[in-house]
């Protein structure tokens, strides 16, 4: 079973580069988010195994998003 990955970055170019890094049979990119609010929503919806998070994003920073995710999911 592949490892589920969520990519959060406001730059489409960077999301595509990170997606290329995880393009293998061991990983499946299950979602992408363009801001911190989207990242938290997609995390709740998709329950990824790995989340990459940009620090500077609109609406909610990556740091704020990670803090919110960790409150929901300690693991």
Protein backbone atom coordinates (compact mmCIF):
# COMPACT_ATOMS: atom_id res chain seq x y z
CA UNK A 1 0.00 0.00 0.00
CA UNK A 2 1.55 3.35 -1.02
CA UNK A 3 2.31 6.09 1.49
CA UNK A 4 -0.26 8.90 1.17
CA UNK A 5 1.23 12.39 0.72
CA UNK A 6 -0.36 15.84 1.05
CA UNK A 7 1.57 18.76 -0.48
CA UNK A 8 0.92 22.28 0.86
CA UNK A 9 2.59 25.18 -0.94
CA UNK A 10 1.19 28.39 -2.42
CA UNK A 11 3.46 28.11 -5.48
CA UNK A 12 2.18 25.72 -8.15
CA UNK A 13 5.73 25.32 -9.44
CA UNK A 14 6.92 24.05 -6.04
CA UNK A 15 3.94 21.73 -5.63
CA UNK A 16 4.79 20.19 -9.00
CA UNK A 17 8.48 19.80 -8.04
CA UNK A 18 7.58 18.14 -4.74
CA UNK A 19 5.07 15.92 -6.53
CA UNK A 20 7.91 14.76 -8.81
CA UNK A 21 9.97 13.83 -5.74
CA UNK A 22 7.16 11.58 -4.58
CA UNK A 23 6.44 10.07 -8.00
CA UNK A 24 7.14 6.43 -7.34
CA UNK A 25 5.27 3.29 -6.55
CA UNK A 26 5.91 3.73 -2.82
CA UNK A 27 4.05 7.07 -2.66
CA UNK A 28 0.69 8.47 -3.74
CA UNK A 29 0.06 12.21 -3.73
CA UNK A 30 -3.52 12.29 -2.48
CA UNK A 31 -3.95 16.06 -2.34
CA UNK A 32 -2.53 19.53 -2.76
CA UNK A 33 -3.23 22.76 -0.88
CA UNK A 34 -2.41 26.33 -1.92
CA UNK A 35 -2.74 27.92 1.53
CA UNK A 36 -2.74 27.02 5.21
CA UNK A 37 -6.52 26.90 5.56
CA UNK A 38 -6.77 24.46 2.65
CA UNK A 39 -3.95 22.39 4.11
CA UNK A 40 -5.80 21.86 7.39
CA UNK A 41 -9.06 21.03 5.59
CA UNK A 42 -7.36 18.56 3.23
CA UNK A 43 -5.50 16.96 6.15
CA UNK A 44 -8.82 16.34 7.93
CA UNK A 45 -10.39 14.99 4.74
CA UNK A 46 -7.52 12.82 3.45
CA UNK A 47 -5.60 11.65 6.55
CA UNK A 48 -2.24 11.56 4.77
CA UNK A 49 0.77 9.67 6.11
CA UNK A 50 3.13 12.53 5.14
CA UNK A 51 2.45 16.24 4.74
CA UNK A 52 4.91 18.69 3.23
CA UNK A 53 4.24 22.26 4.37
CA UNK A 54 5.50 25.58 3.05
CA UNK A 55 6.10 28.08 5.85
CA UNK A 56 4.93 31.30 4.17
CA UNK A 57 1.45 30.93 2.67
CA UNK A 58 -1.64 33.13 2.44
CA UNK A 59 -4.60 32.98 4.83
CA UNK A 60 -2.72 30.86 7.37
CA UNK A 61 1.02 30.25 7.59
CA UNK A 62 2.44 26.77 7.39
CA UNK A 63 3.50 27.05 11.03
CA UNK A 64 -0.06 27.90 12.13
CA UNK A 65 -1.44 25.08 9.97
CA UNK A 66 0.97 22.55 11.47
CA UNK A 67 0.06 23.65 15.00
CA UNK A 68 -3.62 23.13 14.18
CA UNK A 69 -2.97 19.72 12.60
CA UNK A 70 -0.89 18.57 15.59
CA UNK A 71 -3.73 19.53 17.95
CA UNK A 72 -6.03 17.24 15.95
CA UNK A 73 -3.56 14.44 15.38
CA UNK A 74 -0.70 13.94 17.84
CA UNK A 75 0.86 11.23 15.68
